[in-house]
PDB file of all heavy atoms in Angstrom:
ATOM      1  N   SER A   1      15.962 -27.073  -4.531  1.00  0.00           N
ATOM      2  CA  SER A   1      15.603 -28.066  -3.523  1.00  0.00           C
ATOM      3  C   SER A   1      15.036 -29.299  -4.211  1.00  0.00           C
ATOM      4  O   SER A   1      13.840 -29.370  -4.520  1.00  0.00           O
ATOM      5  CB  SER A   1      14.593 -27.480  -2.533  1.00  0.00           C
ATOM      6  OG  SER A   1      14.276 -28.414  -1.521  1.00  0.00           O
ATOM      7  N   ILE A   2      15.906 -30.292  -4.459  1.00  0.00           N
ATOM      8  CA  ILE A   2      15.551 -31.464  -5.249  1.00  0.00           C
ATOM      9  C   ILE A   2      15.631 -32.714  -4.389  1.00  0.00           C
ATOM     10  O   ILE A   2      16.642 -32.960  -3.731  1.00  0.00           O
ATOM     11  CB  ILE A   2      16.472 -31.606  -6.468  1.00  0.00           C
ATOM     12  CG1 ILE A   2      16.379 -30.360  -7.354  1.00  0.00           C
ATOM     13  CG2 ILE A   2      16.124 -32.861  -7.261  1.00  0.00           C
ATOM     14  CD1 ILE A   2      17.383 -30.322  -8.476  1.00  0.00           C
ATOM     15  N   SER A   3      14.584 -33.516  -4.413  1.00  0.00           N
ATOM     16  CA  SER A   3      14.557 -34.765  -3.671  1.00  0.00           C
ATOM     17  C   SER A   3      15.579 -35.745  -4.227  1.00  0.00           C
ATOM     18  O   SER A   3      15.880 -35.744  -5.424  1.00  0.00           O
ATOM     19  CB  SER A   3      13.163 -35.392  -3.738  1.00  0.00           C
ATOM     20  OG  SER A   3      13.165 -36.692  -3.187  1.00  0.00           O
ATOM     21  N   SER A   4      16.109 -36.587  -3.348  1.00  0.00           N
ATOM     22  CA  SER A   4      17.048 -37.616  -3.781  1.00  0.00           C
ATOM     23  C   SER A   4      16.353 -38.731  -4.561  1.00  0.00           C
ATOM     24  O   SER A   4      17.030 -39.549  -5.190  1.00  0.00           O
ATOM     25  CB  SER A   4      17.785 -38.203  -2.576  1.00  0.00           C
ATOM     26  OG  SER A   4      16.888 -38.820  -1.675  1.00  0.00           O
ATOM     27  N   VAL A   5      15.033 -38.792  -4.516  1.00  0.00           N
ATOM     28  CA  VAL A   5      14.254 -39.762  -5.272  1.00  0.00           C
ATOM     29  C   VAL A   5      13.457 -38.985  -6.316  1.00  0.00           C
ATOM     30  O   VAL A   5      12.479 -38.310  -5.982  1.00  0.00           O
ATOM     31  CB  VAL A   5      13.311 -40.574  -4.377  1.00  0.00           C
ATOM     32  CG1 VAL A   5      12.510 -41.571  -5.213  1.00  0.00           C
ATOM     33  CG2 VAL A   5      14.095 -41.293  -3.292  1.00  0.00           C
ATOM     34  N   ASN A   6      13.874 -39.076  -7.560  1.00  0.00           N
ATOM     35  CA  ASN A   6      13.209 -38.306  -8.597  1.00  0.00           C
ATOM     36  C   ASN A   6      13.399 -38.964  -9.951  1.00  0.00           C
ATOM     37  O   ASN A   6      14.159 -39.924 -10.111  1.00  0.00           O
ATOM     38  CB  ASN A   6      13.710 -36.855  -8.622  1.00  0.00           C
ATOM     39  CG  ASN A   6      15.164 -36.737  -9.038  1.00  0.00           C
ATOM     40  OD1 ASN A   6      15.494 -36.929 -10.219  1.00  0.00           O
ATOM     41  ND2 ASN A   6      16.033 -36.417  -8.088  1.00  0.00           N
ATOM     42  N   SER A   7      12.692 -38.417 -10.917  1.00  0.00           N
ATOM     43  CA  SER A   7      12.833 -38.818 -12.302  1.00  0.00           C
ATOM     44  C   SER A   7      12.991 -37.561 -13.147  1.00  0.00           C
ATOM     45  O   SER A   7      12.360 -36.542 -12.871  1.00  0.00           O
ATOM     46  CB  SER A   7      11.612 -39.617 -12.767  1.00  0.00           C
ATOM     47  OG  SER A   7      11.693 -39.934 -14.147  1.00  0.00           O
ATOM     48  N   MET A   8      13.829 -37.629 -14.163  1.00  0.00           N
ATOM     49  CA  MET A   8      13.982 -36.540 -15.110  1.00  0.00           C
ATOM     50  C   MET A   8      13.817 -37.092 -16.516  1.00  0.00           C
ATOM     51  O   MET A   8      14.220 -38.222 -16.797  1.00  0.00           O
ATOM     52  CB  MET A   8      15.348 -35.868 -14.973  1.00  0.00           C
ATOM     53  CG  MET A   8      15.571 -35.186 -13.628  1.00  0.00           C
ATOM     54  SD  MET A   8      17.184 -34.360 -13.503  1.00  0.00           S
ATOM     55  CE  MET A   8      16.956 -33.012 -14.694  1.00  0.00           C
ATOM     56  N   GLY A   9      13.228 -36.285 -17.387  1.00  0.00           N
ATOM     57  CA  GLY A   9      12.997 -36.784 -18.724  1.00  0.00           C
ATOM     58  C   GLY A   9      12.797 -35.688 -19.741  1.00  0.00           C
ATOM     59  O   GLY A   9      12.685 -34.505 -19.406  1.00  0.00           O
ATOM     60  N   TRP A  10      12.755 -36.114 -21.003  1.00  0.00           N
ATOM     61  CA  TRP A  10      12.546 -35.237 -22.137  1.00  0.00           C
ATOM     62  C   TRP A  10      11.197 -35.525 -22.770  1.00  0.00           C
ATOM     63  O   TRP A  10      10.824 -36.690 -22.971  1.00  0.00           O
ATOM     64  CB  TRP A  10      13.639 -35.432 -23.189  1.00  0.00           C
ATOM     65  CG  TRP A  10      14.993 -34.985 -22.731  1.00  0.00           C
ATOM     66  CD1 TRP A  10      15.983 -35.754 -22.204  1.00  0.00           C
ATOM     67  CD2 TRP A  10      15.497 -33.650 -22.770  1.00  0.00           C
ATOM     68  NE1 TRP A  10      17.078 -34.982 -21.912  1.00  0.00           N
ATOM     69  CE2 TRP A  10      16.813 -33.687 -22.246  1.00  0.00           C
ATOM     70  CE3 TRP A  10      14.976 -32.427 -23.196  1.00  0.00           C
ATOM     71  CZ2 TRP A  10      17.601 -32.540 -22.139  1.00  0.00           C
ATOM     72  CZ3 TRP A  10      15.761 -31.295 -23.084  1.00  0.00           C
ATOM     73  CH2 TRP A  10      17.057 -31.363 -22.562  1.00  0.00           C
ATOM     74  N   TYR A  11      10.471 -34.460 -23.118  1.00  0.00           N
ATOM     75  CA  TYR A  11       9.158 -34.558 -23.740  1.00  0.00           C
ATOM     76  C   TYR A  11       9.112 -33.628 -24.942  1.00  0.00           C
ATOM     77  O   TYR A  11       9.483 -32.462 -24.860  1.00  0.00           O
ATOM     78  CB  TYR A  11       8.056 -34.205 -22.740  1.00  0.00           C
ATOM     79  CG  TYR A  11       7.990 -35.175 -21.582  1.00  0.00           C
ATOM     80  CD1 TYR A  11       8.902 -35.098 -20.533  1.00  0.00           C
ATOM     81  CD2 TYR A  11       7.043 -36.199 -21.558  1.00  0.00           C
ATOM     82  CE1 TYR A  11       8.869 -35.999 -19.488  1.00  0.00           C
ATOM     83  CE2 TYR A  11       7.000 -37.097 -20.508  1.00  0.00           C
ATOM     84  CZ  TYR A  11       7.915 -37.000 -19.486  1.00  0.00           C
ATOM     85  OH  TYR A  11       7.881 -37.897 -18.447  1.00  0.00           O
ATOM     86  N   ARG A  12       8.651 -34.153 -26.069  1.00  0.00           N
ATOM     87  CA  ARG A  12       8.597 -33.385 -27.299  1.00  0.00           C
ATOM     88  C   ARG A  12       7.218 -32.778 -27.499  1.00  0.00           C
ATOM     89  O   ARG A  12       6.206 -33.477 -27.419  1.00  0.00           O
ATOM     90  CB  ARG A  12       8.938 -34.276 -28.499  1.00  0.00           C
ATOM     91  CG  ARG A  12       8.940 -33.548 -29.834  1.00  0.00           C
ATOM     92  CD  ARG A  12       9.049 -34.541 -30.985  1.00  0.00           C
ATOM     93  NE  ARG A  12       7.867 -35.385 -31.068  1.00  0.00           N
ATOM     94  CZ  ARG A  12       7.773 -36.448 -31.865  1.00  0.00           C
ATOM     95  NH1 ARG A  12       8.793 -36.804 -32.632  1.00  0.00           N
ATOM     96  NH2 ARG A  12       6.654 -37.165 -31.886  1.00  0.00           N
ATOM     97  N   GLN A  13       7.203 -31.489 -27.785  1.00  0.00           N
ATOM     98  CA  GLN A  13       5.980 -30.790 -28.139  1.00  0.00           C
ATOM     99  C   GLN A  13       6.062 -30.439 -29.616  1.00  0.00           C
ATOM    100  O   GLN A  13       6.889 -29.615 -30.018  1.00  0.00           O
ATOM    101  CB  GLN A  13       5.795 -29.529 -27.299  1.00  0.00           C
ATOM    102  CG  GLN A  13       4.509 -28.790 -27.578  1.00  0.00           C
ATOM    103  CD  GLN A  13       4.299 -27.605 -26.644  1.00  0.00           C
ATOM    104  OE1 GLN A  13       5.131 -27.313 -25.798  1.00  0.00           O
ATOM    105  NE2 GLN A  13       3.180 -26.928 -26.796  1.00  0.00           N
ATOM    106  N   GLY A  14       5.228 -31.088 -30.428  1.00  0.00           N
ATOM    107  CA  GLY A  14       5.211 -30.844 -31.860  1.00  0.00           C
ATOM    108  C   GLY A  14       4.298 -29.696 -32.210  1.00  0.00           C
ATOM    109  O   GLY A  14       4.286 -28.652 -31.559  1.00  0.00           O
ATOM    110  N   SER A  15       3.514 -29.901 -33.264  1.00  0.00           N
ATOM    111  CA  SER A  15       2.618 -28.846 -33.729  1.00  0.00           C
ATOM    112  C   SER A  15       1.501 -28.553 -32.739  1.00  0.00           C
ATOM    113  O   SER A  15       1.049 -27.415 -32.634  1.00  0.00           O
ATOM    114  CB  SER A  15       2.026 -29.224 -35.089  1.00  0.00           C
ATOM    115  OG  SER A  15       3.035 -29.386 -36.064  1.00  0.00           O
ATOM    116  N   GLY A  16       1.048 -29.579 -32.024  1.00  0.00           N
ATOM    117  CA  GLY A  16      -0.024 -29.405 -31.063  1.00  0.00           C
ATOM    118  C   GLY A  16       0.480 -29.007 -29.698  1.00  0.00           C
ATOM    119  O   GLY A  16       1.661 -28.700 -29.511  1.00  0.00           O
ATOM    120  N   ARG A  17      -0.408 -29.026 -28.730  1.00  0.00           N
ATOM    121  CA  ARG A  17      -0.072 -28.632 -27.364  1.00  0.00           C
ATOM    122  C   ARG A  17       0.434 -29.797 -26.531  1.00  0.00           C
ATOM    123  O   ARG A  17       1.052 -29.582 -25.489  1.00  0.00           O
ATOM    124  CB  ARG A  17      -1.299 -28.010 -26.691  1.00  0.00           C
ATOM    125  CG  ARG A  17      -1.790 -26.720 -27.331  1.00  0.00           C
ATOM    126  CD  ARG A  17      -0.914 -25.555 -26.929  1.00  0.00           C
ATOM    127  NE  ARG A  17      -1.317 -24.303 -27.563  1.00  0.00           N
ATOM    128  CZ  ARG A  17      -2.233 -23.476 -27.089  1.00  0.00           C
ATOM    129  NH1 ARG A  17      -2.869 -23.764 -25.962  1.00  0.00           N
ATOM    130  NH2 ARG A  17      -2.529 -22.359 -27.737  1.00  0.00           N
ATOM    131  N   GLU A  18       0.170 -31.031 -26.965  1.00  0.00           N
ATOM    132  CA  GLU A  18       0.547 -32.184 -26.164  1.00  0.00           C
ATOM    133  C   GLU A  18       2.050 -32.388 -26.168  1.00  0.00           C
ATOM    134  O   GLU A  18       2.751 -32.018 -27.110  1.00  0.00           O
ATOM    135  CB  GLU A  18      -0.165 -33.461 -26.660  1.00  0.00           C
ATOM    136  CG  GLU A  18       0.429 -34.078 -27.923  1.00  0.00           C
ATOM    137  CD  GLU A  18      -0.033 -33.394 -29.192  1.00  0.00           C
ATOM    138  OE1 GLU A  18      -0.786 -32.402 -29.114  1.00  0.00           O
ATOM    139  OE2 GLU A  18       0.347 -33.869 -30.279  1.00  0.00           O
ATOM    140  N   ARG A  19       2.531 -33.010 -25.108  1.00  0.00           N
ATOM    141  CA  ARG A  19       3.949 -33.313 -24.969  1.00  0.00           C
ATOM    142  C   ARG A  19       4.111 -34.819 -24.811  1.00  0.00           C
ATOM    143  O   ARG A  19       3.555 -35.407 -23.880  1.00  0.00           O
ATOM    144  CB  ARG A  19       4.544 -32.576 -23.769  1.00  0.00           C
ATOM    145  CG  ARG A  19       4.454 -31.065 -23.895  1.00  0.00           C
ATOM    146  CD  ARG A  19       4.972 -30.337 -22.664  1.00  0.00           C
ATOM    147  NE  ARG A  19       4.833 -28.899 -22.813  1.00  0.00           N
ATOM    148  CZ  ARG A  19       5.189 -28.004 -21.902  1.00  0.00           C
ATOM    149  NH1 ARG A  19       5.720 -28.408 -20.751  1.00  0.00           N
ATOM    150  NH2 ARG A  19       5.017 -26.717 -22.134  1.00  0.00           N
ATOM    151  N   ASP A  20       4.864 -35.419 -25.732  1.00  0.00           N
ATOM    152  CA  ASP A  20       5.042 -36.861 -25.772  1.00  0.00           C
ATOM    153  C   ASP A  20       6.376 -37.246 -25.151  1.00  0.00           C
ATOM    154  O   ASP A  20       7.387 -36.580 -25.363  1.00  0.00           O
ATOM    155  CB  ASP A  20       4.985 -37.382 -27.206  1.00  0.00           C
ATOM    156  CG  ASP A  20       3.660 -37.109 -27.876  1.00  0.00           C
ATOM    157  OD1 ASP A  20       2.620 -37.245 -27.211  1.00  0.00           O
ATOM    158  OD2 ASP A  20       3.660 -36.770 -29.078  1.00  0.00           O
ATOM    159  N   LEU A  21       6.368 -38.352 -24.425  1.00  0.00           N
ATOM    160  CA  LEU A  21       7.598 -38.844 -23.812  1.00  0.00           C
ATOM    161  C   LEU A  21       8.640 -39.167 -24.877  1.00  0.00           C
ATOM    162  O   LEU A  21       8.363 -39.890 -25.834  1.00  0.00           O
ATOM    163  CB  LEU A  21       7.315 -40.098 -22.982  1.00  0.00           C
ATOM    164  CG  LEU A  21       8.556 -40.840 -22.469  1.00  0.00           C
ATOM    165  CD1 LEU A  21       9.267 -40.015 -21.402  1.00  0.00           C
ATOM    166  CD2 LEU A  21       8.186 -42.218 -21.931  1.00  0.00           C
ATOM    167  N   VAL A  22       9.832 -38.640 -24.699  1.00  0.00           N
ATOM    168  CA  VAL A  22      10.981 -39.019 -25.500  1.00  0.00           C
ATOM    169  C   VAL A  22      11.825 -40.034 -24.729  1.00  0.00           C
ATOM    170  O   VAL A  22      12.080 -41.142 -25.201  1.00  0.00           O
ATOM    171  CB  VAL A  22      11.835 -37.804 -25.883  1.00  0.00           C
ATOM    172  CG1 VAL A  22      13.038 -38.237 -26.719  1.00  0.00           C
ATOM    173  CG2 VAL A  22      10.999 -36.775 -26.637  1.00  0.00           C
ATOM    174  N   ALA A  23      12.246 -39.645 -23.536  1.00  0.00           N
ATOM    175  CA  ALA A  23      13.038 -40.525 -22.690  1.00  0.00           C
ATOM    176  C   ALA A  23      13.022 -39.993 -21.271  1.00  0.00           C
ATOM    177  O   ALA A  23      12.952 -38.786 -21.058  1.00  0.00           O
ATOM    178  CB  ALA A  23      14.487 -40.630 -23.194  1.00  0.00           C
ATOM    179  N   SER A  24      13.084 -40.888 -20.303  1.00  0.00           N
ATOM    180  CA  SER A  24      13.152 -40.503 -18.907  1.00  0.00           C
ATOM    181  C   SER A  24      14.113 -41.422 -18.173  1.00  0.00           C
ATOM    182  O   SER A  24      14.384 -42.546 -18.613  1.00  0.00           O
ATOM    183  CB  SER A  24      11.772 -40.538 -18.241  1.00  0.00           C
ATOM    184  OG  SER A  24      11.267 -41.856 -18.177  1.00  0.00           O
ATOM    185  N   ILE A  25      14.608 -40.933 -17.034  1.00  0.00           N
ATOM    186  CA  ILE A  25      15.558 -41.705 -16.246  1.00  0.00           C
ATOM    187  C   ILE A  25      15.385 -41.359 -14.776  1.00  0.00           C
ATOM    188  O   ILE A  25      15.295 -40.190 -14.405  1.00  0.00           O
ATOM    189  CB  ILE A  25      17.008 -41.457 -16.728  1.00  0.00           C
ATOM    190  CG1 ILE A  25      17.997 -42.325 -15.955  1.00  0.00           C
ATOM    191  CG2 ILE A  25      17.370 -39.970 -16.636  1.00  0.00           C
ATOM    192  CD1 ILE A  25      19.385 -42.357 -16.590  1.00  0.00           C
ATOM    193  N   ARG A  26      15.298 -42.385 -13.938  1.00  0.00           N
ATOM    194  CA  ARG A  26      15.155 -42.191 -12.503  1.00  0.00           C
ATOM    195  C   ARG A  26      16.519 -42.123 -11.836  1.00  0.00           C
ATOM    196  O   ARG A  26      17.538 -42.492 -12.421  1.00  0.00           O
ATOM    197  CB  ARG A  26      14.338 -43.327 -11.884  1.00  0.00           C
ATOM    198  CG  ARG A  26      12.894 -43.378 -12.331  1.00  0.00           C
ATOM    199  CD  ARG A  26      12.114 -44.451 -11.601  1.00  0.00           C
ATOM    200  NE  ARG A  26      12.056 -44.207 -10.154  1.00  0.00           N
ATOM    201  CZ  ARG A  26      11.249 -44.842  -9.317  1.00  0.00           C
ATOM    202  NH1 ARG A  26      10.404 -45.759  -9.771  1.00  0.00           N
ATOM    203  NH2 ARG A  26      11.279 -44.567  -8.020  1.00  0.00           N
ATOM    204  N   THR A  27      16.513 -41.652 -10.583  1.00  0.00           N
ATOM    205  CA  THR A  27      17.766 -41.606  -9.830  1.00  0.00           C
ATOM    206  C   THR A  27      18.345 -43.002  -9.652  1.00  0.00           C
ATOM    207  O   THR A  27      19.566 -43.153  -9.530  1.00  0.00           O
ATOM    208  CB  THR A  27      17.557 -40.960  -8.456  1.00  0.00           C
ATOM    209  OG1 THR A  27      16.399 -41.514  -7.828  1.00  0.00           O
ATOM    210  CG2 THR A  27      17.386 -39.451  -8.588  1.00  0.00           C
ATOM    211  N   GLY A  28      17.493 -44.033  -9.638  1.00  0.00           N
ATOM    212  CA  GLY A  28      17.969 -45.398  -9.548  1.00  0.00           C
ATOM    213  C   GLY A  28      18.538 -45.942 -10.840  1.00  0.00           C
ATOM    214  O   GLY A  28      19.095 -47.046 -10.848  1.00  0.00           O
ATOM    215  N   GLY A  29      18.391 -45.204 -11.941  1.00  0.00           N
ATOM    216  CA  GLY A  29      18.965 -45.605 -13.211  1.00  0.00           C
ATOM    217  C   GLY A  29      17.994 -46.192 -14.215  1.00  0.00           C
ATOM    218  O   GLY A  29      18.368 -46.374 -15.382  1.00  0.00           O
ATOM    219  N   ASP A  30      16.763 -46.496 -13.803  1.00  0.00           N
ATOM    220  CA  ASP A  30      15.783 -47.045 -14.736  1.00  0.00           C
ATOM    221  C   ASP A  30      15.443 -46.024 -15.812  1.00  0.00           C
ATOM    222  O   ASP A  30      15.276 -44.837 -15.527  1.00  0.00           O
ATOM    223  CB  ASP A  30      14.508 -47.460 -14.005  1.00  0.00           C
ATOM    224  CG  ASP A  30      14.724 -48.607 -13.047  1.00  0.00           C
ATOM    225  OD1 ASP A  30      15.670 -49.391 -13.263  1.00  0.00           O
ATOM    226  OD2 ASP A  30      13.947 -48.724 -12.085  1.00  0.00           O
ATOM    227  N   THR A  31      15.319 -46.489 -17.050  1.00  0.00           N
ATOM    228  CA  THR A  31      15.028 -45.612 -18.174  1.00  0.00           C
ATOM    229  C   THR A  31      13.775 -46.065 -18.904  1.00  0.00           C
ATOM    230  O   THR A  31      13.370 -47.228 -18.836  1.00  0.00           O
ATOM    231  CB  THR A  31      16.190 -45.572 -19.178  1.00  0.00           C
ATOM    232  OG1 THR A  31      16.437 -46.889 -19.677  1.00  0.00           O
ATOM    233  CG2 THR A  31      17.451 -45.040 -18.509  1.00  0.00           C
ATOM    234  N   ALA A  32      13.162 -45.122 -19.616  1.00  0.00           N
ATOM    235  CA  ALA A  32      12.022 -45.407 -20.466  1.00  0.00           C
ATOM    236  C   ALA A  32      12.121 -44.531 -21.707  1.00  0.00           C
ATOM    237  O   ALA A  32      12.611 -43.398 -21.638  1.00  0.00           O
ATOM    238  CB  ALA A  32      10.710 -45.149 -19.737  1.00  0.00           C
ATOM    239  N   TYR A  33      11.656 -45.069 -22.851  1.00  0.00           N
ATOM    240  CA  TYR A  33      11.718 -44.351 -24.113  1.00  0.00           C
ATOM    241  C   TYR A  33      10.372 -44.370 -24.805  1.00  0.00           C
ATOM    242  O   TYR A  33       9.618 -45.341 -24.706  1.00  0.00           O
ATOM    243  CB  TYR A  33      12.761 -44.963 -25.046  1.00  0.00           C
ATOM    244  CG  TYR A  33      14.183 -44.799 -24.581  1.00  0.00           C
ATOM    245  CD1 TYR A  33      14.795 -45.758 -23.781  1.00  0.00           C
ATOM    246  CD2 TYR A  33      14.921 -43.675 -24.943  1.00  0.00           C
ATOM    247  CE1 TYR A  33      16.105 -45.601 -23.352  1.00  0.00           C
ATOM    248  CE2 TYR A  33      16.231 -43.511 -24.518  1.00  0.00           C
ATOM    249  CZ  TYR A  33      16.816 -44.480 -23.719  1.00  0.00           C
ATOM    250  OH  TYR A  33      18.118 -44.320 -23.301  1.00  0.00           O
ATOM    251  N   GLY A  34      10.067 -43.282 -25.510  1.00  0.00           N
ATOM    252  CA  GLY A  34       8.882 -43.266 -26.337  1.00  0.00           C
ATOM    253  C   GLY A  34       9.041 -44.184 -27.531  1.00  0.00           C
ATOM    254  O   GLY A  34      10.153 -44.440 -28.007  1.00  0.00           O
ATOM    255  N   ASP A  35       7.902 -44.683 -28.040  1.00  0.00           N
ATOM    256  CA  ASP A  35       7.949 -45.649 -29.135  1.00  0.00           C
ATOM    257  C   ASP A  35       8.613 -45.083 -30.389  1.00  0.00           C
ATOM    258  O   ASP A  35       9.268 -45.814 -31.136  1.00  0.00           O
ATOM    259  CB  ASP A  35       6.538 -46.126 -29.470  1.00  0.00           C
ATOM    260  CG  ASP A  35       5.946 -47.023 -28.401  1.00  0.00           C
ATOM    261  OD1 ASP A  35       6.723 -47.593 -27.608  1.00  0.00           O
ATOM    262  OD2 ASP A  35       4.710 -47.162 -28.363  1.00  0.00           O
ATOM    263  N   PHE A  36       8.443 -43.788 -30.645  1.00  0.00           N
ATOM    264  CA  PHE A  36       8.979 -43.214 -31.873  1.00  0.00           C
ATOM    265  C   PHE A  36      10.495 -43.137 -31.883  1.00  0.00           C
ATOM    266  O   PHE A  36      11.090 -42.933 -32.940  1.00  0.00           O
ATOM    267  CB  PHE A  36       8.389 -41.819 -32.108  1.00  0.00           C
ATOM    268  CG  PHE A  36       9.004 -40.740 -31.272  1.00  0.00           C
ATOM    269  CD1 PHE A  36      10.041 -39.964 -31.767  1.00  0.00           C
ATOM    270  CD2 PHE A  36       8.550 -40.490 -29.992  1.00  0.00           C
ATOM    271  CE1 PHE A  36      10.623 -38.967 -31.010  1.00  0.00           C
ATOM    272  CE2 PHE A  36       9.114 -39.495 -29.214  1.00  0.00           C
ATOM    273  CZ  PHE A  36      10.152 -38.737 -29.727  1.00  0.00           C
ATOM    274  N   VAL A  37      11.133 -43.290 -30.715  1.00  0.00           N
ATOM    275  CA  VAL A  37      12.590 -43.186 -30.644  1.00  0.00           C
ATOM    276  C   VAL A  37      13.255 -44.296 -31.446  1.00  0.00           C
ATOM    277  O   VAL A  37      14.270 -44.065 -32.121  1.00  0.00           O
ATOM    278  CB  VAL A  37      13.043 -43.215 -29.174  1.00  0.00           C
ATOM    279  CG1 VAL A  37      14.566 -43.359 -29.077  1.00  0.00           C
ATOM    280  CG2 VAL A  37      12.577 -41.953 -28.460  1.00  0.00           C
TER     281      VAL A  37
END
């Protein structure tokens, strides 16, 4: 059951517990990337 308005993305978990943004994309097509990319 997925809303028609959503965002999906990738997050990297390295040695620690935190998860850093890699890339994301909304249903409208807008994208965002982490600085390390």
